[in-house]
Amino acid sequence: MTSIDLNADLGEGFGRWRLTDDEQLLSVVTSANVACGFHAGDASTMRRVCGLAAERGVTIGAQVSYRDLAGFGRRAMDVPPAELAAEVAYQIGALEVFARAAGARVAYVKPHGALYNRVVHDEEQAAAVVDGVLLADAALPVLGLPGSRLLARAEQAGLPAVTEAFADRAYTDEGTLVPRGREGAVVSDPETVVERSVELARSGAVTSHSGARIAVRARSLCLHGDTPGAVELARQVRARLAAAGVTVAAFA
C-alpha cells in the first residue's frame, strides 16, 4: 500500500495577527512546518503550535527562512554562508525549546519561500543551510524539492533527504515550481488539487504547466495553510487519499 506524509506551513502569524488555522489543520496533517520567527511566528505562537502538535501526535518540523518578516520570507536575499548557517541553527534551536517543553522534539527541517527556491540550484546557499542543520542536530532530516542541491548536500553530509511535492503549485517541465509571480503558478481549483494529490501519491507524477507529464516522486505532500478554504481542502485531500488506498503517515 502506498504511503505519504501530509505537511502544512503553520504558526505563520505574528503577535495578534494569524494567517493559518493551526488548530484545524493540525487535525488533518501528519507533519507541521512551524515558522521560527524569521518570516513569521513569534515565541508565543511557536509555543502554542508546538503544544497543539504534540497533543495531537503531529510531527514538528522547523521551517527556516531568510530574515524577512516584512516580505514573509519571499524576497530574494544574499546572505553570507556563515551568517545563513548560524541563522538556520538559531531558528531550529528556538523551536526546539518549545517542542521539548511540549514533550516532543524538532524532527526535521524545511526551508521557506525564497530560501526554499534558492537552494534548489544554489550550491553555496544549499551548503549553508545544511551546515546550519548540522550545527543544531547532525541527524535531522531535511525536506525539499526532488533533485535540489539542498537534498544532494544533505545526503553528502549524512542527513536524511526527504522529497516533497506540491498539489497546489504549478510545475515547470524541469520539475521545479513555477514562480509565484507568473500566471497559473498557484492551482486554485479544489477538485484539481485533490486529484493531483492522489496522482502524486499513487503514480509519483504530475502534469506540468505546459501540459507535459513529469516525474515528481515524493515522501511528503505540502498543503499550504494560507490558501482560502485550506482546512476543508486538506480534509478532502486526506479523505480522497484514504479512498484511493493511500496510507497517510509522518515520515519522521
C-alpha atoms as a PDB file:
ATOM      1  CA  MET A   1       0.000   0.000   0.000  1.00  0.00           C
ATOM      2  CA  THR A   2       1.266   3.463  -0.911  1.00  0.00           C
ATOM      3  CA  SER A   3       2.099   5.812   1.974  1.00  0.00           C
ATOM      4  CA  ILE A   4       2.602   9.572   2.067  1.00  0.00           C
ATOM      5  CA  ASP A   5       3.044  12.300   4.662  1.00  0.00           C
ATOM      6  CA  LEU A   6       0.889  15.444   4.661  1.00  0.00           C
ATOM      7  CA  ASN A   7       2.675  18.606   5.797  1.00  0.00           C
ATOM      8  CA  ALA A   8       1.471  22.186   6.176  1.00  0.00           C
ATOM      9  CA  ASP A   9       3.108  25.525   6.999  1.00  0.00           C
ATOM     10  CA  LEU A  10       1.794  26.536  10.422  1.00  0.00           C
ATOM     11  CA  GLY A  11       2.349  29.224  13.037  1.00  0.00           C
ATOM     12  CA  GLU A  12       2.548  31.838  10.296  1.00  0.00           C
ATOM     13  CA  GLY A  13       1.278  34.724  12.351  1.00  0.00           C
ATOM     14  CA  PHE A  14       2.850  37.440  14.457  1.00  0.00           C
ATOM     15  CA  GLY A  15       1.539  38.845  17.710  1.00  0.00           C
ATOM     16  CA  ARG A  16      -2.244  39.227  17.422  1.00  0.00           C
ATOM     17  CA  TRP A  17      -2.197  38.550  13.678  1.00  0.00           C
ATOM     18  CA  ARG A  18      -2.809  34.968  12.468  1.00  0.00           C
ATOM     19  CA  LEU A  19      -2.632  33.707   8.912  1.00  0.00           C
ATOM     20  CA  THR A  20      -3.219  29.964   9.283  1.00  0.00           C
ATOM     21  CA  ASP A  21      -5.925  27.997  11.107  1.00  0.00           C
ATOM     22  CA  ASP A  22      -3.399  25.985  13.075  1.00  0.00           C
ATOM     23  CA  GLU A  23      -5.870  24.216  15.343  1.00  0.00           C
ATOM     24  CA  GLN A  24      -7.980  22.809  12.494  1.00  0.00           C
ATOM     25  CA  LEU A  25      -5.095  21.952  10.193  1.00  0.00           C
ATOM     26  CA  LEU A  26      -3.396  20.013  12.981  1.00  0.00           C
ATOM     27  CA  SER A  27      -6.383  17.677  12.967  1.00  0.00           C
ATOM     28  CA  VAL A  28      -5.625  16.743   9.344  1.00  0.00           C
ATOM     29  CA  VAL A  29      -1.881  16.875   8.632  1.00  0.00           C
ATOM     30  CA  THR A  30       0.788  14.497   9.924  1.00  0.00           C
ATOM     31  CA  SER A  31       3.700  16.977   9.916  1.00  0.00           C
ATOM     32  CA  ALA A  32       3.741  20.659  10.893  1.00  0.00           C
ATOM     33  CA  ASN A  33       6.277  23.059   9.374  1.00  0.00           C
ATOM     34  CA  VAL A  34       6.377  25.631  12.164  1.00  0.00           C
ATOM     35  CA  ALA A  35       7.548  29.169  11.364  1.00  0.00           C
ATOM     36  CA  CYS A  36      10.555  30.007  13.534  1.00  0.00           C
ATOM     37  CA  GLY A  37      10.304  33.790  13.734  1.00  0.00           C
ATOM     38  CA  PHE A  38      12.253  34.906  10.667  1.00  0.00           C
ATOM     39  CA  HIS A  39       9.463  35.064   8.067  1.00  0.00           C
ATOM     40  CA  ALA A  40       6.562  34.725  10.532  1.00  0.00           C
ATOM     41  CA  GLY A  41       5.905  33.438  14.024  1.00  0.00           C
ATOM     42  CA  ASP A  42       6.934  34.602  17.465  1.00  0.00           C
ATOM     43  CA  ALA A  43       7.739  32.926  20.760  1.00  0.00           C
ATOM     44  CA  SER A  44       4.118  32.655  21.924  1.00  0.00           C
ATOM     45  CA  THR A  45       2.958  31.320  18.566  1.00  0.00           C
ATOM     46  CA  MET A  46       5.737  28.731  18.404  1.00  0.00           C
ATOM     47  CA  ARG A  47       4.938  27.560  21.912  1.00  0.00           C
ATOM     48  CA  ARG A  48       1.213  27.320  21.162  1.00  0.00           C
ATOM     49  CA  VAL A  49       1.611  25.414  17.896  1.00  0.00           C
ATOM     50  CA  CYS A  50       4.167  23.001  19.363  1.00  0.00           C
ATOM     51  CA  GLY A  51       1.814  22.274  22.243  1.00  0.00           C
ATOM     52  CA  LEU A  52      -1.112  21.593  19.921  1.00  0.00           C
ATOM     53  CA  ALA A  53       1.003  19.438  17.607  1.00  0.00           C
ATOM     54  CA  ALA A  54       2.322  17.356  20.491  1.00  0.00           C
ATOM     55  CA  GLU A  55      -1.189  16.832  21.871  1.00  0.00           C
ATOM     56  CA  ARG A  56      -2.384  15.538  18.500  1.00  0.00           C
ATOM     57  CA  GLY A  57       0.620  13.412  17.652  1.00  0.00           C
ATOM     58  CA  VAL A  58       1.684  15.610  14.730  1.00  0.00           C
ATOM     59  CA  THR A  59       5.403  15.647  13.924  1.00  0.00           C
ATOM     60  CA  ILE A  60       7.079  19.047  14.419  1.00  0.00           C
ATOM     61  CA  GLY A  61       9.428  20.470  11.800  1.00  0.00           C
ATOM     62  CA  ALA A  62      11.365  23.732  11.766  1.00  0.00           C
ATOM     63  CA  GLN A  63      10.509  25.970   8.812  1.00  0.00           C
ATOM     64  CA  VAL A  64      13.603  28.125   8.454  1.00  0.00           C
ATOM     65  CA  SER A  65      13.789  31.274   6.353  1.00  0.00           C
ATOM     66  CA  TYR A  66      15.765  34.309   5.404  1.00  0.00           C
ATOM     67  CA  ARG A  67      15.363  37.091   7.984  1.00  0.00           C
ATOM     68  CA  ASP A  68      12.458  38.798   6.204  1.00  0.00           C
ATOM     69  CA  LEU A  69       9.354  39.454   8.313  1.00  0.00           C
ATOM     70  CA  ALA A  70       8.246  42.349   6.116  1.00  0.00           C
ATOM     71  CA  GLY A  71       8.375  40.249   2.947  1.00  0.00           C
ATOM     72  CA  PHE A  72       7.116  36.994   4.512  1.00  0.00           C
ATOM     73  CA  GLY A  73      10.389  35.350   3.529  1.00  0.00           C
ATOM     74  CA  ARG A  74       9.554  35.568  -0.164  1.00  0.00           C
ATOM     75  CA  ARG A  75      12.064  38.242  -1.184  1.00  0.00           C
ATOM     76  CA  ALA A  76      15.396  37.271  -2.736  1.00  0.00           C
ATOM     77  CA  MET A  77      18.269  37.975  -0.361  1.00  0.00           C
ATOM     78  CA  ASP A  78      22.032  37.493  -0.480  1.00  0.00           C
ATOM     79  CA  VAL A  79      23.155  36.287   2.926  1.00  0.00           C
ATOM     80  CA  PRO A  80      26.798  35.285   3.525  1.00  0.00           C
ATOM     81  CA  PRO A  81      27.041  31.480   4.002  1.00  0.00           C
ATOM     82  CA  ALA A  82      28.426  31.592   7.537  1.00  0.00           C
ATOM     83  CA  GLU A  83      25.699  34.006   8.595  1.00  0.00           C
ATOM     84  CA  LEU A  84      22.974  31.921   6.956  1.00  0.00           C
ATOM     85  CA  ALA A  85      24.226  28.741   8.626  1.00  0.00           C
ATOM     86  CA  ALA A  86      24.160  30.452  12.025  1.00  0.00           C
ATOM     87  CA  GLU A  87      20.646  31.809  11.426  1.00  0.00           C
ATOM     88  CA  VAL A  88      19.341  28.390  10.363  1.00  0.00           C
ATOM     89  CA  ALA A  89      20.772  26.826  13.519  1.00  0.00           C
ATOM     90  CA  TYR A  90      19.339  29.675  15.611  1.00  0.00           C
ATOM     91  CA  GLN A  91      15.833  29.100  14.251  1.00  0.00           C
ATOM     92  CA  ILE A  92      15.971  25.352  14.827  1.00  0.00           C
ATOM     93  CA  GLY A  93      17.228  25.892  18.369  1.00  0.00           C
ATOM     94  CA  ALA A  94      14.458  28.362  19.175  1.00  0.00           C
ATOM     95  CA  LEU A  95      11.759  25.946  18.045  1.00  0.00           C
ATOM     96  CA  GLU A  96      13.413  23.029  19.841  1.00  0.00           C
ATOM     97  CA  VAL A  97      12.928  24.789  23.189  1.00  0.00           C
ATOM     98  CA  PHE A  98       9.159  24.862  22.698  1.00  0.00           C
ATOM     99  CA  ALA A  99       8.963  21.397  21.153  1.00  0.00           C
ATOM    100  CA  ARG A 100      10.749  19.888  24.165  1.00  0.00           C
ATOM    101  CA  ALA A 101       8.575  21.867  26.569  1.00  0.00           C
ATOM    102  CA  ALA A 102       5.590  20.190  24.907  1.00  0.00           C
ATOM    103  CA  GLY A 103       7.148  16.740  25.318  1.00  0.00           C
ATOM    104  CA  ALA A 104       8.164  16.461  21.668  1.00  0.00           C
ATOM    105  CA  ARG A 105      11.161  17.426  19.515  1.00  0.00           C
ATOM    106  CA  VAL A 106      12.034  19.070  16.235  1.00  0.00           C
ATOM    107  CA  ALA A 107      12.067  16.112  13.861  1.00  0.00           C
ATOM    108  CA  TYR A 108      13.040  17.700  10.519  1.00  0.00           C
ATOM    109  CA  VAL A 109      13.898  20.976   8.783  1.00  0.00           C
ATOM    110  CA  LYS A 110      12.287  22.632   5.739  1.00  0.00           C
ATOM    111  CA  PRO A 111      13.323  25.959   4.181  1.00  0.00           C
ATOM    112  CA  HIS A 112      10.610  28.503   3.383  1.00  0.00           C
ATOM    113  CA  GLY A 113       9.837  30.788   0.466  1.00  0.00           C
ATOM    114  CA  ALA A 114      12.766  32.452  -1.277  1.00  0.00           C
ATOM    115  CA  LEU A 115      15.254  30.280   0.607  1.00  0.00           C
ATOM    116  CA  TYR A 116      13.419  27.102  -0.467  1.00  0.00           C
ATOM    117  CA  ASN A 117      13.595  28.152  -4.114  1.00  0.00           C
ATOM    118  CA  ARG A 118      17.182  29.424  -3.898  1.00  0.00           C
ATOM    119  CA  VAL A 119      18.608  26.156  -2.579  1.00  0.00           C
ATOM    120  CA  VAL A 120      17.131  24.196  -5.477  1.00  0.00           C
ATOM    121  CA  HIS A 121      20.005  25.458  -7.673  1.00  0.00           C
ATOM    122  CA  ASP A 122      22.396  27.496  -5.488  1.00  0.00           C
ATOM    123  CA  GLU A 123      25.213  25.258  -4.252  1.00  0.00           C
ATOM    124  CA  GLU A 124      26.616  27.779  -1.766  1.00  0.00           C
ATOM    125  CA  GLN A 125      23.305  28.619  -0.106  1.00  0.00           C
ATOM    126  CA  ALA A 126      22.308  24.930  -0.020  1.00  0.00           C
ATOM    127  CA  ALA A 127      25.572  24.070   1.718  1.00  0.00           C
ATOM    128  CA  ALA A 128      24.997  26.875   4.238  1.00  0.00           C
ATOM    129  CA  VAL A 129      21.536  25.558   5.122  1.00  0.00           C
ATOM    130  CA  VAL A 130      22.932  22.062   5.621  1.00  0.00           C
ATOM    131  CA  ASP A 131      25.764  23.458   7.765  1.00  0.00           C
ATOM    132  CA  GLY A 132      23.139  25.188   9.912  1.00  0.00           C
ATOM    133  CA  VAL A 133      21.197  21.948  10.339  1.00  0.00           C
ATOM    134  CA  LEU A 134      24.390  20.140  11.327  1.00  0.00           C
ATOM    135  CA  LEU A 135      25.136  22.812  13.935  1.00  0.00           C
ATOM    136  CA  ALA A 136      21.735  22.200  15.516  1.00  0.00           C
ATOM    137  CA  ASP A 137      21.424  18.421  15.173  1.00  0.00           C
ATOM    138  CA  ALA A 138      23.573  16.168  12.985  1.00  0.00           C
ATOM    139  CA  ALA A 139      20.734  13.684  12.454  1.00  0.00           C
ATOM    140  CA  LEU A 140      17.812  15.896  11.392  1.00  0.00           C
ATOM    141  CA  PRO A 141      16.081  15.014   8.091  1.00  0.00           C
ATOM    142  CA  VAL A 142      15.878  17.793   5.505  1.00  0.00           C
ATOM    143  CA  LEU A 143      12.685  18.259   3.481  1.00  0.00           C
ATOM    144  CA  GLY A 144      12.977  19.727  -0.013  1.00  0.00           C
ATOM    145  CA  LEU A 145      12.348  19.555  -3.738  1.00  0.00           C
ATOM    146  CA  PRO A 146      13.410  16.366  -5.573  1.00  0.00           C
ATOM    147  CA  GLY A 147      16.657  16.900  -7.446  1.00  0.00           C
ATOM    148  CA  SER A 148      17.569  20.037  -5.497  1.00  0.00           C
ATOM    149  CA  ARG A 149      21.088  20.960  -4.458  1.00  0.00           C
ATOM    150  CA  LEU A 150      19.779  21.119  -0.901  1.00  0.00           C
ATOM    151  CA  LEU A 151      18.885  17.433  -0.806  1.00  0.00           C
ATOM    152  CA  ALA A 152      22.103  16.462  -2.586  1.00  0.00           C
ATOM    153  CA  ARG A 153      24.116  18.385   0.019  1.00  0.00           C
ATOM    154  CA  ALA A 154      22.101  16.847   2.851  1.00  0.00           C
ATOM    155  CA  GLU A 155      22.841  13.347   1.575  1.00  0.00           C
ATOM    156  CA  GLN A 156      26.538  14.162   1.245  1.00  0.00           C
ATOM    157  CA  ALA A 157      26.539  15.312   4.885  1.00  0.00           C
ATOM    158  CA  GLY A 158      24.817  12.124   6.060  1.00  0.00           C
ATOM    159  CA  LEU A 159      21.455  13.742   6.749  1.00  0.00           C
ATOM    160  CA  PRO A 160      18.237  12.008   5.644  1.00  0.00           C
ATOM    161  CA  ALA A 161      16.998  13.754   2.481  1.00  0.00           C
ATOM    162  CA  VAL A 162      13.203  13.718   2.167  1.00  0.00           C
ATOM    163  CA  THR A 163      11.480  14.631  -1.093  1.00  0.00           C
ATOM    164  CA  GLU A 164       8.389  16.833  -1.192  1.00  0.00           C
ATOM    165  CA  ALA A 165       5.638  17.625  -3.713  1.00  0.00           C
ATOM    166  CA  PHE A 166       3.011  20.385  -4.005  1.00  0.00           C
ATOM    167  CA  ALA A 167      -0.501  19.639  -5.236  1.00  0.00           C
ATOM    168  CA  ASP A 168      -1.471  23.319  -5.373  1.00  0.00           C
ATOM    169  CA  ARG A 169       1.591  24.653  -7.202  1.00  0.00           C
ATOM    170  CA  ALA A 170       2.304  24.510 -10.923  1.00  0.00           C
ATOM    171  CA  TYR A 171       5.478  22.735 -12.076  1.00  0.00           C
ATOM    172  CA  THR A 172       7.865  23.537 -14.901  1.00  0.00           C
ATOM    173  CA  ASP A 173       8.911  20.788 -17.319  1.00  0.00           C
ATOM    174  CA  GLU A 174      12.169  20.550 -15.327  1.00  0.00           C
ATOM    175  CA  GLY A 175      10.314  19.652 -12.119  1.00  0.00           C
ATOM    176  CA  THR A 176      10.781  22.991 -10.362  1.00  0.00           C
ATOM    177  CA  LEU A 177       7.975  25.233  -9.120  1.00  0.00           C
ATOM    178  CA  VAL A 178       6.608  27.940 -11.406  1.00  0.00           C
ATOM    179  CA  PRO A 179       7.496  31.301  -9.739  1.00  0.00           C
ATOM    180  CA  ARG A 180       4.582  32.792  -7.813  1.00  0.00           C
ATOM    181  CA  GLY A 181       4.658  35.957  -9.897  1.00  0.00           C
ATOM    182  CA  ARG A 182       3.678  34.073 -13.051  1.00  0.00           C
ATOM    183  CA  GLU A 183       0.056  33.460 -14.027  1.00  0.00           C
ATOM    184  CA  GLY A 184      -1.142  29.987 -13.077  1.00  0.00           C
ATOM    185  CA  ALA A 185       1.650  29.411 -10.553  1.00  0.00           C
ATOM    186  CA  VAL A 186      -0.895  28.507  -7.867  1.00  0.00           C
ATOM    187  CA  VAL A 187      -3.546  25.849  -8.589  1.00  0.00           C
ATOM    188  CA  SER A 188      -6.741  27.241  -7.072  1.00  0.00           C
ATOM    189  CA  ASP A 189      -9.446  24.785  -8.162  1.00  0.00           C
ATOM    190  CA  PRO A 190     -10.110  22.472  -5.155  1.00  0.00           C
ATOM    191  CA  GLU A 191     -11.028  19.399  -7.206  1.00  0.00           C
ATOM    192  CA  THR A 192      -7.884  19.759  -9.291  1.00  0.00           C
ATOM    193  CA  VAL A 193      -5.768  19.985  -6.140  1.00  0.00           C
ATOM    194  CA  VAL A 194      -7.400  16.842  -4.730  1.00  0.00           C
ATOM    195  CA  GLU A 195      -6.912  14.911  -7.978  1.00  0.00           C
ATOM    196  CA  ARG A 196      -3.277  15.996  -8.217  1.00  0.00           C
ATOM    197  CA  SER A 197      -2.706  14.888  -4.617  1.00  0.00           C
ATOM    198  CA  VAL A 198      -3.870  11.354  -5.364  1.00  0.00           C
ATOM    199  CA  GLU A 199      -1.912  11.295  -8.631  1.00  0.00           C
ATOM    200  CA  LEU A 200       1.299  12.369  -6.898  1.00  0.00           C
ATOM    201  CA  ALA A 201       0.867   9.817  -4.112  1.00  0.00           C
ATOM    202  CA  ARG A 202      -0.025   6.868  -6.334  1.00  0.00           C
ATOM    203  CA  SER A 203       1.980   7.423  -9.502  1.00  0.00           C
ATOM    204  CA  GLY A 204       4.724   9.869  -8.492  1.00  0.00           C
ATOM    205  CA  ALA A 205       3.882  12.068 -11.454  1.00  0.00           C
ATOM    206  CA  VAL A 206       2.050  15.281 -12.276  1.00  0.00           C
ATOM    207  CA  THR A 207       1.153  17.386 -15.310  1.00  0.00           C
ATOM    208  CA  SER A 208       3.424  20.404 -15.734  1.00  0.00           C
ATOM    209  CA  HIS A 209       2.364  23.964 -16.548  1.00  0.00           C
ATOM    210  CA  SER A 210       2.928  23.264 -20.253  1.00  0.00           C
ATOM    211  CA  GLY A 211       0.949  20.011 -20.197  1.00  0.00           C
ATOM    212  CA  ALA A 212       3.903  17.616 -20.065  1.00  0.00           C
ATOM    213  CA  ARG A 213       3.879  14.558 -17.818  1.00  0.00           C
ATOM    214  CA  ILE A 214       6.789  14.760 -15.337  1.00  0.00           C
ATOM    215  CA  ALA A 215       8.019  12.545 -12.519  1.00  0.00           C
ATOM    216  CA  VAL A 216       7.757  14.025  -9.010  1.00  0.00           C
ATOM    217  CA  ARG A 217       8.419  11.240  -6.529  1.00  0.00           C
ATOM    218  CA  ALA A 218       7.841  12.459  -3.004  1.00  0.00           C
ATOM    219  CA  ARG A 219       7.520  11.110   0.522  1.00  0.00           C
ATOM    220  CA  SER A 220       5.638  14.195   1.709  1.00  0.00           C
ATOM    221  CA  LEU A 221       2.882  16.337   0.202  1.00  0.00           C
ATOM    222  CA  CYS A 222       2.602  20.012   1.178  1.00  0.00           C
ATOM    223  CA  LEU A 223      -0.797  21.612   1.752  1.00  0.00           C
ATOM    224  CA  HIS A 224      -0.494  25.395   2.015  1.00  0.00           C
ATOM    225  CA  GLY A 225      -2.227  26.663   5.137  1.00  0.00           C
ATOM    226  CA  ASP A 226      -2.681  30.201   3.788  1.00  0.00           C
ATOM    227  CA  THR A 227      -4.846  29.080   0.855  1.00  0.00           C
ATOM    228  CA  PRO A 228      -8.517  30.192   1.081  1.00  0.00           C
ATOM    229  CA  GLY A 229     -10.544  27.248   2.396  1.00  0.00           C
ATOM    230  CA  ALA A 230      -7.325  25.453   3.367  1.00  0.00           C
ATOM    231  CA  VAL A 231      -8.847  23.356   6.154  1.00  0.00           C
ATOM    232  CA  GLU A 232     -11.693  21.927   4.093  1.00  0.00           C
ATOM    233  CA  LEU A 233      -9.356  21.331   1.178  1.00  0.00           C
ATOM    234  CA  ALA A 234      -6.927  19.464   3.435  1.00  0.00           C
ATOM    235  CA  ARG A 235      -9.767  17.293   4.713  1.00  0.00           C
ATOM    236  CA  GLN A 236     -10.846  16.476   1.163  1.00  0.00           C
ATOM    237  CA  VAL A 237      -7.289  15.576   0.185  1.00  0.00           C
ATOM    238  CA  ARG A 238      -6.877  13.241   3.145  1.00  0.00           C
ATOM    239  CA  ALA A 239     -10.259  11.601   2.581  1.00  0.00           C
ATOM    240  CA  ARG A 240      -9.586  11.066  -1.119  1.00  0.00           C
ATOM    241  CA  LEU A 241      -6.147   9.614  -0.398  1.00  0.00           C
ATOM    242  CA  ALA A 242      -7.700   7.126   2.019  1.00  0.00           C
ATOM    243  CA  ALA A 243     -10.360   6.193  -0.544  1.00  0.00           C
ATOM    244  CA  ALA A 244      -7.583   5.564  -3.073  1.00  0.00           C
ATOM    245  CA  GLY A 245      -5.819   3.172  -0.705  1.00  0.00           C
ATOM    246  CA  VAL A 246      -3.061   5.568   0.295  1.00  0.00           C
ATOM    247  CA  THR A 247      -1.883   5.488   3.914  1.00  0.00           C
ATOM    248  CA  VAL A 248      -1.238   8.946   5.385  1.00  0.00           C
ATOM    249  CA  ALA A 249       1.646   8.819   7.893  1.00  0.00           C
ATOM    250  CA  ALA A 250       4.512  11.053   9.026  1.00  0.00           C
ATOM    251  CA  PHE A 251       7.944  10.345   7.552  1.00  0.00           C
ATOM    252  CA  ALA A 252       9.789  11.289  10.756  1.00  0.00           C
END
